[in-house]
Amino acid sequence: MEALTHYKKLRNPHYIGSYELLTGSEPIELVVKIEKAAKEMIQNGDKKEEAMLLYLKDQKPMIVNSTNAKNITKALGSPFIETWVGKSITLYVAKIRAFGESVDALRVKDTAPVKVKPELTPTHPKWEGAITALKAKNTTIEAITGAYNVSVDNLKLLNDAAI
């Protein structure tokens, strides 16, 4: 099924919102990297007001409310915005009560995203390069297993090939 366009994408094109994660029947989660956090003036309807903004890699900026600021603090282990730069957070959609009804809200998970390492196997495009680098002593088994999941059997194959 092709992605659907939420009408709010056309009404609020400057900031990321829950509607960015509503692409069809089920909302998606989105892991984003923080490039900058700042307090800036934004246009909110007819008035301008100060708001905390997160600038996100390859996404629109995000207006951060107090709930999301607390969740970012918990997920990243620091209340200091300077320490957030370069770190990743997970955005999701939550149903909340607001304005007397149930509405979709953009939320930040209070846990850091889990980084999944790729599996290094003999069919992986980097397999031969790993063997070459091991033979040339340009890398170590520890460095390879730090970047990839390697099964015990494939670890033995790497060690044997590097000798």
N, C-alpha and C. Protein backbone atom coordinates (compact mmCIF):
# COMPACT_ATOMS: atom_id res chain seq x y z
N MET A 1 0.84 -1.18 0.00
CA MET A 1 0.00 0.00 0.00
C MET A 1 0.89 1.24 0.00
N GLU A 2 0.56 2.21 -0.82
CA GLU A 2 1.36 3.43 -0.87
C GLU A 2 1.06 4.32 0.33
N ALA A 3 2.04 5.16 0.70
CA ALA A 3 1.89 6.06 1.84
C ALA A 3 0.78 7.07 1.55
N LEU A 4 0.02 7.38 2.58
CA LEU A 4 -1.07 8.35 2.47
C LEU A 4 -0.60 9.69 3.01
N THR A 5 -1.20 10.79 2.56
CA THR A 5 -0.82 12.12 3.00
C THR A 5 -1.86 12.66 3.97
N HIS A 6 -1.43 12.92 5.19
CA HIS A 6 -2.32 13.49 6.21
C HIS A 6 -2.55 14.96 5.88
N TYR A 7 -3.77 15.46 6.05
CA TYR A 7 -4.10 16.84 5.68
C TYR A 7 -3.28 17.86 6.47
N LYS A 8 -2.85 17.53 7.69
CA LYS A 8 -2.07 18.48 8.50
C LYS A 8 -0.69 18.74 7.92
N LYS A 9 -0.19 17.84 7.07
CA LYS A 9 1.09 18.08 6.41
C LYS A 9 0.99 19.32 5.52
N LEU A 10 -0.19 19.60 5.04
CA LEU A 10 -0.40 20.75 4.16
C LEU A 10 -0.65 22.02 4.97
N ARG A 11 -1.16 21.88 6.20
CA ARG A 11 -1.48 23.03 7.04
C ARG A 11 -0.29 23.50 7.87
N ASN A 12 0.61 22.60 8.26
CA ASN A 12 1.73 22.94 9.12
C ASN A 12 3.01 22.39 8.50
N PRO A 13 3.47 23.01 7.43
CA PRO A 13 4.61 22.44 6.71
C PRO A 13 5.97 22.72 7.33
N HIS A 14 6.05 23.54 8.38
CA HIS A 14 7.35 23.96 8.91
C HIS A 14 7.90 23.10 10.04
N TYR A 15 7.03 22.36 10.74
CA TYR A 15 7.46 21.58 11.91
C TYR A 15 6.94 20.15 11.81
N ILE A 16 7.70 19.22 12.37
CA ILE A 16 7.27 17.83 12.39
C ILE A 16 6.14 17.69 13.41
N GLY A 17 5.18 16.85 13.09
CA GLY A 17 4.05 16.60 13.99
C GLY A 17 3.65 15.15 13.93
N SER A 18 2.69 14.77 14.74
CA SER A 18 2.25 13.37 14.78
C SER A 18 1.80 12.89 13.40
N TYR A 19 1.26 13.79 12.62
CA TYR A 19 0.75 13.44 11.29
C TYR A 19 1.86 12.92 10.37
N GLU A 20 3.13 13.25 10.67
CA GLU A 20 4.25 12.74 9.85
C GLU A 20 4.41 11.23 10.03
N LEU A 21 3.92 10.71 11.16
CA LEU A 21 4.06 9.29 11.45
C LEU A 21 2.79 8.50 11.13
N LEU A 22 1.79 9.20 10.62
CA LEU A 22 0.53 8.56 10.23
C LEU A 22 0.54 8.41 8.71
N THR A 23 1.05 7.26 8.26
CA THR A 23 1.23 7.06 6.83
C THR A 23 0.27 6.04 6.25
N GLY A 24 -0.59 5.53 7.07
CA GLY A 24 -1.53 4.50 6.62
C GLY A 24 -2.35 4.04 7.81
N SER A 25 -2.59 2.75 7.89
CA SER A 25 -3.46 2.23 8.94
C SER A 25 -2.83 2.29 10.33
N GLU A 26 -1.52 2.08 10.44
CA GLU A 26 -0.85 2.09 11.74
C GLU A 26 0.23 3.17 11.77
N PRO A 27 0.31 3.93 12.86
CA PRO A 27 1.39 4.91 12.96
C PRO A 27 2.75 4.20 13.00
N ILE A 28 3.76 4.87 12.49
CA ILE A 28 5.11 4.32 12.54
C ILE A 28 5.88 4.98 13.67
N GLU A 29 6.99 4.40 14.05
CA GLU A 29 7.95 5.03 14.95
C GLU A 29 9.08 5.53 14.08
N LEU A 30 9.71 6.62 14.51
CA LEU A 30 10.78 7.22 13.72
C LEU A 30 11.95 7.55 14.64
N VAL A 31 13.11 6.98 14.34
CA VAL A 31 14.32 7.30 15.08
C VAL A 31 14.97 8.48 14.37
N VAL A 32 15.24 9.56 15.14
CA VAL A 32 15.81 10.77 14.57
C VAL A 32 17.05 11.17 15.37
N LYS A 33 17.97 11.86 14.69
CA LYS A 33 19.20 12.32 15.32
C LYS A 33 19.08 13.83 15.55
N ILE A 34 19.41 14.26 16.77
CA ILE A 34 19.33 15.68 17.13
C ILE A 34 20.59 16.39 16.65
N GLU A 35 20.38 17.47 15.88
CA GLU A 35 21.51 18.26 15.40
C GLU A 35 21.70 19.52 16.23
N LYS A 36 20.60 20.04 16.82
CA LYS A 36 20.68 21.29 17.57
C LYS A 36 19.41 21.45 18.39
N ALA A 37 19.54 22.08 19.55
CA ALA A 37 18.38 22.44 20.37
C ALA A 37 18.48 23.93 20.65
N ALA A 38 17.37 24.66 20.52
CA ALA A 38 17.40 26.11 20.71
C ALA A 38 16.03 26.63 21.11
N LYS A 39 16.03 27.82 21.69
CA LYS A 39 14.79 28.52 22.00
C LYS A 39 14.63 29.59 20.93
N GLU A 40 13.48 29.57 20.24
CA GLU A 40 13.26 30.49 19.12
C GLU A 40 11.82 30.97 19.11
N MET A 41 11.59 32.06 18.40
CA MET A 41 10.24 32.58 18.19
C MET A 41 9.60 31.77 17.05
N ILE A 42 8.37 31.33 17.28
CA ILE A 42 7.63 30.61 16.24
C ILE A 42 6.27 31.25 16.07
N GLN A 43 5.68 31.05 14.93
CA GLN A 43 4.33 31.52 14.65
C GLN A 43 3.35 30.45 15.10
N ASN A 44 2.46 30.79 16.02
CA ASN A 44 1.46 29.85 16.52
C ASN A 44 0.09 30.47 16.28
N GLY A 45 -0.51 30.12 15.17
CA GLY A 45 -1.78 30.73 14.80
C GLY A 45 -1.58 32.20 14.50
N ASP A 46 -2.29 33.06 15.23
CA ASP A 46 -2.19 34.50 15.00
C ASP A 46 -1.07 35.18 15.78
N LYS A 47 -0.44 34.45 16.69
CA LYS A 47 0.57 35.09 17.54
C LYS A 47 1.93 34.42 17.41
N LYS A 48 2.95 35.20 17.80
CA LYS A 48 4.30 34.65 17.87
C LYS A 48 4.61 34.35 19.32
N GLU A 49 5.32 33.24 19.55
CA GLU A 49 5.70 32.88 20.91
C GLU A 49 7.04 32.16 20.90
N GLU A 50 7.71 32.18 22.06
CA GLU A 50 8.97 31.46 22.18
C GLU A 50 8.68 29.98 22.41
N ALA A 51 9.50 29.16 21.78
CA ALA A 51 9.35 27.71 21.94
C ALA A 51 10.72 27.06 21.85
N MET A 52 10.82 25.90 22.48
CA MET A 52 12.03 25.11 22.34
C MET A 52 11.91 24.29 21.06
N LEU A 53 12.95 24.34 20.25
CA LEU A 53 12.96 23.59 19.00
C LEU A 53 14.13 22.62 18.98
N LEU A 54 13.88 21.46 18.40
CA LEU A 54 14.95 20.52 18.10
C LEU A 54 15.11 20.51 16.59
N TYR A 55 16.33 20.67 16.13
CA TYR A 55 16.62 20.50 14.72
C TYR A 55 17.09 19.07 14.54
N LEU A 56 16.42 18.36 13.64
CA LEU A 56 16.63 16.93 13.45
C LEU A 56 17.25 16.65 12.09
N LYS A 57 18.16 15.69 12.05
CA LYS A 57 18.80 15.34 10.78
C LYS A 57 17.76 14.79 9.80
N ASP A 58 17.72 15.39 8.61
CA ASP A 58 16.84 14.97 7.51
C ASP A 58 15.35 15.04 7.84
N GLN A 59 14.97 15.88 8.82
CA GLN A 59 13.56 16.07 9.18
C GLN A 59 13.30 17.55 9.41
N LYS A 60 12.02 17.89 9.50
CA LYS A 60 11.66 19.26 9.88
C LYS A 60 11.96 19.45 11.36
N PRO A 61 12.12 20.70 11.82
CA PRO A 61 12.32 20.93 13.26
C PRO A 61 11.11 20.46 14.06
N MET A 62 11.36 20.18 15.33
CA MET A 62 10.30 19.71 16.23
C MET A 62 10.12 20.71 17.36
N ILE A 63 8.88 21.14 17.60
CA ILE A 63 8.57 21.95 18.76
C ILE A 63 8.49 21.01 19.95
N VAL A 64 9.23 21.31 21.02
CA VAL A 64 9.32 20.41 22.16
C VAL A 64 8.51 20.95 23.33
N ASN A 65 7.50 20.18 23.75
CA ASN A 65 6.73 20.56 24.93
C ASN A 65 7.39 19.96 26.17
N SER A 66 6.85 20.26 27.34
CA SER A 66 7.49 19.80 28.58
C SER A 66 7.48 18.28 28.71
N THR A 67 6.42 17.62 28.27
CA THR A 67 6.37 16.15 28.33
C THR A 67 7.50 15.55 27.51
N ASN A 68 7.67 16.03 26.29
CA ASN A 68 8.73 15.49 25.44
C ASN A 68 10.12 15.86 25.95
N ALA A 69 10.28 17.06 26.52
CA ALA A 69 11.58 17.44 27.09
C ALA A 69 11.96 16.50 28.24
N LYS A 70 10.99 16.16 29.09
CA LYS A 70 11.26 15.22 30.19
C LYS A 70 11.62 13.84 29.65
N ASN A 71 10.94 13.39 28.60
CA ASN A 71 11.23 12.08 28.02
C ASN A 71 12.60 12.06 27.34
N ILE A 72 12.98 13.16 26.68
CA ILE A 72 14.31 13.24 26.07
C ILE A 72 15.38 13.17 27.17
N THR A 73 15.15 13.92 28.25
CA THR A 73 16.08 13.92 29.38
C THR A 73 16.28 12.50 29.91
N LYS A 74 15.19 11.78 30.06
CA LYS A 74 15.27 10.40 30.57
C LYS A 74 15.95 9.48 29.56
N ALA A 75 15.58 9.60 28.29
CA ALA A 75 16.15 8.72 27.25
C ALA A 75 17.64 8.93 27.08
N LEU A 76 18.07 10.19 27.17
CA LEU A 76 19.48 10.51 26.90
C LEU A 76 20.31 10.65 28.17
N GLY A 77 19.64 10.60 29.32
CA GLY A 77 20.36 10.63 30.58
C GLY A 77 20.94 11.97 30.97
N SER A 78 20.39 13.05 30.40
CA SER A 78 20.90 14.38 30.73
C SER A 78 19.83 15.44 30.47
N PRO A 79 19.72 16.43 31.37
CA PRO A 79 18.78 17.53 31.13
C PRO A 79 19.42 18.67 30.32
N PHE A 80 20.69 18.53 29.96
CA PHE A 80 21.41 19.61 29.28
C PHE A 80 21.36 19.45 27.77
N ILE A 81 20.78 20.47 27.11
CA ILE A 81 20.53 20.37 25.66
C ILE A 81 21.81 20.21 24.86
N GLU A 82 22.92 20.73 25.36
CA GLU A 82 24.18 20.59 24.62
C GLU A 82 24.61 19.13 24.53
N THR A 83 24.24 18.32 25.51
CA THR A 83 24.61 16.90 25.49
C THR A 83 23.70 16.08 24.58
N TRP A 84 22.59 16.66 24.16
CA TRP A 84 21.66 15.95 23.29
C TRP A 84 22.14 15.91 21.84
N VAL A 85 22.96 16.87 21.44
CA VAL A 85 23.41 16.99 20.06
C VAL A 85 24.17 15.72 19.64
N GLY A 86 23.78 15.18 18.50
CA GLY A 86 24.41 13.98 17.97
C GLY A 86 23.78 12.69 18.46
N LYS A 87 22.85 12.79 19.39
CA LYS A 87 22.19 11.60 19.94
C LYS A 87 20.86 11.38 19.22
N SER A 88 20.36 10.15 19.31
CA SER A 88 19.10 9.79 18.65
C SER A 88 17.99 9.56 19.66
N ILE A 89 16.77 9.86 19.23
CA ILE A 89 15.56 9.64 20.02
C ILE A 89 14.53 8.98 19.11
N THR A 90 13.52 8.38 19.73
CA THR A 90 12.46 7.73 18.95
C THR A 90 11.17 8.52 19.11
N LEU A 91 10.58 8.91 17.99
CA LEU A 91 9.29 9.61 17.97
C LEU A 91 8.19 8.59 17.70
N TYR A 92 7.04 8.83 18.33
CA TYR A 92 5.88 7.97 18.10
C TYR A 92 4.61 8.79 18.28
N VAL A 93 3.48 8.19 17.97
CA VAL A 93 2.18 8.86 18.11
C VAL A 93 1.46 8.27 19.32
N ALA A 94 0.95 9.16 20.18
CA ALA A 94 0.16 8.73 21.34
C ALA A 94 -1.19 9.42 21.29
N LYS A 95 -2.22 8.72 21.72
CA LYS A 95 -3.56 9.33 21.86
C LYS A 95 -3.60 10.02 23.22
N ILE A 96 -3.96 11.30 23.23
CA ILE A 96 -4.07 12.04 24.48
C ILE A 96 -5.41 12.77 24.52
N ARG A 97 -5.81 13.20 25.71
CA ARG A 97 -7.02 14.00 25.86
C ARG A 97 -6.62 15.46 25.80
N ALA A 98 -7.19 16.20 24.88
CA ALA A 98 -6.92 17.63 24.74
C ALA A 98 -8.14 18.28 24.10
N PHE A 99 -8.45 19.46 24.55
CA PHE A 99 -9.56 20.22 23.99
C PHE A 99 -10.86 19.43 24.03
N GLY A 100 -11.02 18.59 25.07
CA GLY A 100 -12.24 17.83 25.27
C GLY A 100 -12.41 16.63 24.37
N GLU A 101 -11.34 16.24 23.67
CA GLU A 101 -11.44 15.07 22.80
C GLU A 101 -10.13 14.30 22.78
N SER A 102 -10.14 13.13 22.18
CA SER A 102 -8.94 12.31 22.03
C SER A 102 -8.25 12.72 20.73
N VAL A 103 -6.98 13.11 20.84
CA VAL A 103 -6.23 13.57 19.66
C VAL A 103 -4.89 12.85 19.58
N ASP A 104 -4.30 12.86 18.39
CA ASP A 104 -2.97 12.29 18.19
C ASP A 104 -1.93 13.33 18.60
N ALA A 105 -0.91 12.88 19.34
CA ALA A 105 0.17 13.77 19.76
C ALA A 105 1.51 13.14 19.42
N LEU A 106 2.45 13.98 19.01
CA LEU A 106 3.81 13.53 18.76
C LEU A 106 4.51 13.38 20.11
N ARG A 107 5.06 12.22 20.37
CA ARG A 107 5.73 11.96 21.64
C ARG A 107 7.12 11.38 21.40
N VAL A 108 7.97 11.55 22.42
CA VAL A 108 9.32 11.00 22.41
C VAL A 108 9.36 9.86 23.42
N LYS A 109 9.88 8.71 23.02
CA LYS A 109 10.02 7.59 23.96
C LYS A 109 11.04 7.98 25.03
N ASP A 110 10.81 7.51 26.25
CA ASP A 110 11.71 7.85 27.35
C ASP A 110 12.88 6.86 27.48
N THR A 111 13.09 6.07 26.44
CA THR A 111 14.25 5.18 26.38
C THR A 111 14.99 5.44 25.08
N ALA A 112 16.31 5.29 25.12
CA ALA A 112 17.11 5.51 23.91
C ALA A 112 16.82 4.41 22.90
N PRO A 113 16.89 4.72 21.61
CA PRO A 113 16.68 3.68 20.60
C PRO A 113 17.75 2.60 20.71
N VAL A 114 17.35 1.38 20.43
CA VAL A 114 18.29 0.27 20.45
C VAL A 114 18.96 0.20 19.09
N LYS A 115 20.28 0.22 19.13
CA LYS A 115 21.04 0.16 17.88
C LYS A 115 21.26 -1.31 17.54
N VAL A 116 20.81 -1.72 16.37
CA VAL A 116 20.93 -3.12 15.95
C VAL A 116 22.12 -3.23 15.00
N LYS A 117 23.05 -4.12 15.36
CA LYS A 117 24.22 -4.33 14.50
C LYS A 117 23.84 -5.30 13.39
N PRO A 118 24.37 -5.07 12.18
CA PRO A 118 24.10 -6.01 11.09
C PRO A 118 24.86 -7.32 11.33
N GLU A 119 24.38 -8.37 10.70
CA GLU A 119 25.00 -9.70 10.79
C GLU A 119 26.06 -9.82 9.71
N LEU A 120 27.29 -10.19 10.11
CA LEU A 120 28.37 -10.40 9.14
C LEU A 120 28.44 -11.89 8.84
N THR A 121 28.18 -12.24 7.59
CA THR A 121 28.20 -13.62 7.11
C THR A 121 29.07 -13.69 5.86
N PRO A 122 29.42 -14.90 5.42
CA PRO A 122 30.23 -15.02 4.20
C PRO A 122 29.56 -14.43 2.95
N THR A 123 28.25 -14.22 2.97
CA THR A 123 27.57 -13.63 1.81
C THR A 123 27.43 -12.11 1.93
N HIS A 124 27.83 -11.55 3.06
CA HIS A 124 27.74 -10.09 3.26
C HIS A 124 28.79 -9.40 2.38
N PRO A 125 28.45 -8.25 1.79
CA PRO A 125 29.39 -7.54 0.92
C PRO A 125 30.72 -7.15 1.61
N LYS A 126 30.73 -7.04 2.93
CA LYS A 126 31.94 -6.63 3.66
C LYS A 126 32.79 -7.82 4.13
N TRP A 127 32.33 -9.04 3.87
CA TRP A 127 33.02 -10.23 4.37
C TRP A 127 34.47 -10.29 3.88
N GLU A 128 34.67 -10.22 2.58
CA GLU A 128 36.03 -10.32 2.01
C GLU A 128 36.90 -9.17 2.49
N GLY A 129 36.32 -7.98 2.61
CA GLY A 129 37.08 -6.82 3.12
C GLY A 129 37.53 -7.04 4.55
N ALA A 130 36.69 -7.69 5.35
CA ALA A 130 37.05 -7.99 6.73
C ALA A 130 38.23 -8.94 6.78
N ILE A 131 38.20 -9.95 5.94
CA ILE A 131 39.31 -10.92 5.89
C ILE A 131 40.60 -10.22 5.45
N THR A 132 40.51 -9.40 4.40
CA THR A 132 41.68 -8.67 3.91
C THR A 132 42.25 -7.76 4.99
N ALA A 133 41.39 -7.05 5.69
CA ALA A 133 41.83 -6.14 6.76
C ALA A 133 42.46 -6.90 7.92
N LEU A 134 41.91 -8.07 8.24
CA LEU A 134 42.50 -8.90 9.31
C LEU A 134 43.90 -9.39 8.90
N LYS A 135 44.02 -9.87 7.66
CA LYS A 135 45.32 -10.35 7.18
C LYS A 135 46.37 -9.24 7.19
N ALA A 136 45.97 -8.02 6.82
CA ALA A 136 46.88 -6.88 6.77
C ALA A 136 47.09 -6.25 8.15
N LYS A 137 46.41 -6.80 9.14
CA LYS A 137 46.46 -6.28 10.52
C LYS A 137 45.98 -4.82 10.61
N ASN A 138 45.01 -4.47 9.74
CA ASN A 138 44.39 -3.14 9.76
C ASN A 138 43.18 -3.10 10.68
N THR A 139 42.76 -4.27 11.15
CA THR A 139 41.63 -4.35 12.08
C THR A 139 41.84 -5.57 12.97
N THR A 140 40.91 -5.69 13.92
CA THR A 140 40.96 -6.83 14.84
C THR A 140 39.60 -7.52 14.87
N ILE A 141 39.59 -8.72 15.38
CA ILE A 141 38.32 -9.44 15.56
C ILE A 141 37.41 -8.63 16.49
N GLU A 142 38.00 -8.03 17.52
CA GLU A 142 37.21 -7.22 18.47
C GLU A 142 36.53 -6.05 17.77
N ALA A 143 37.24 -5.39 16.86
CA ALA A 143 36.66 -4.26 16.12
C ALA A 143 35.52 -4.74 15.22
N ILE A 144 35.71 -5.89 14.59
CA ILE A 144 34.67 -6.43 13.71
C ILE A 144 33.43 -6.81 14.52
N THR A 145 33.63 -7.50 15.65
CA THR A 145 32.47 -7.90 16.46
C THR A 145 31.84 -6.70 17.18
N GLY A 146 32.56 -5.59 17.26
CA GLY A 146 31.98 -4.37 17.80
C GLY A 146 31.02 -3.73 16.81
N ALA A 147 31.29 -3.92 15.53
CA ALA A 147 30.45 -3.32 14.48
C ALA A 147 29.40 -4.28 13.92
N TYR A 148 29.65 -5.59 14.05
CA TYR A 148 28.75 -6.58 13.46
C TYR A 148 28.44 -7.68 14.46
N ASN A 149 27.29 -8.32 14.30
CA ASN A 149 27.01 -9.57 14.98
C ASN A 149 27.65 -10.66 14.13
N VAL A 150 28.45 -11.52 14.77
CA VAL A 150 29.12 -12.60 14.06
C VAL A 150 28.88 -13.88 14.84
N SER A 151 28.32 -14.88 14.18
CA SER A 151 28.06 -16.16 14.86
C SER A 151 29.39 -16.83 15.21
N VAL A 152 29.34 -17.78 16.11
CA VAL A 152 30.55 -18.52 16.52
C VAL A 152 31.17 -19.20 15.31
N ASP A 153 30.34 -19.82 14.46
CA ASP A 153 30.86 -20.51 13.27
C ASP A 153 31.54 -19.53 12.31
N ASN A 154 30.92 -18.36 12.09
CA ASN A 154 31.50 -17.37 11.18
C ASN A 154 32.74 -16.71 11.78
N LEU A 155 32.79 -16.61 13.09
CA LEU A 155 33.97 -16.09 13.77
C LEU A 155 35.16 -17.02 13.52
N LYS A 156 34.91 -18.32 13.60
CA LYS A 156 35.95 -19.31 13.32
C LYS A 156 36.41 -19.20 11.86
N LEU A 157 35.45 -19.01 10.93
CA LEU A 157 35.81 -18.85 9.52
C LEU A 157 36.69 -17.61 9.31
N LEU A 158 36.35 -16.52 9.98
CA LEU A 158 37.15 -15.30 9.87
C LEU A 158 38.55 -15.52 10.41
N ASN A 159 38.64 -16.12 11.58
CA ASN A 159 39.96 -16.38 12.18
C ASN A 159 40.80 -17.29 11.29
N ASP A 160 40.20 -18.36 10.78
CA ASP A 160 40.92 -19.30 9.92
C ASP A 160 41.38 -18.63 8.63
N ALA A 161 40.55 -17.77 8.05
CA ALA A 161 40.87 -17.11 6.79
C ALA A 161 41.95 -16.05 6.97
N ALA A 162 42.05 -15.48 8.17
CA ALA A 162 42.99 -14.40 8.42
C ALA A 162 44.40 -14.89 8.72
N ILE A 163 44.53 -16.19 8.91
CA ILE A 163 45.86 -16.75 9.25
C ILE A 163 46.72 -16.89 8.01
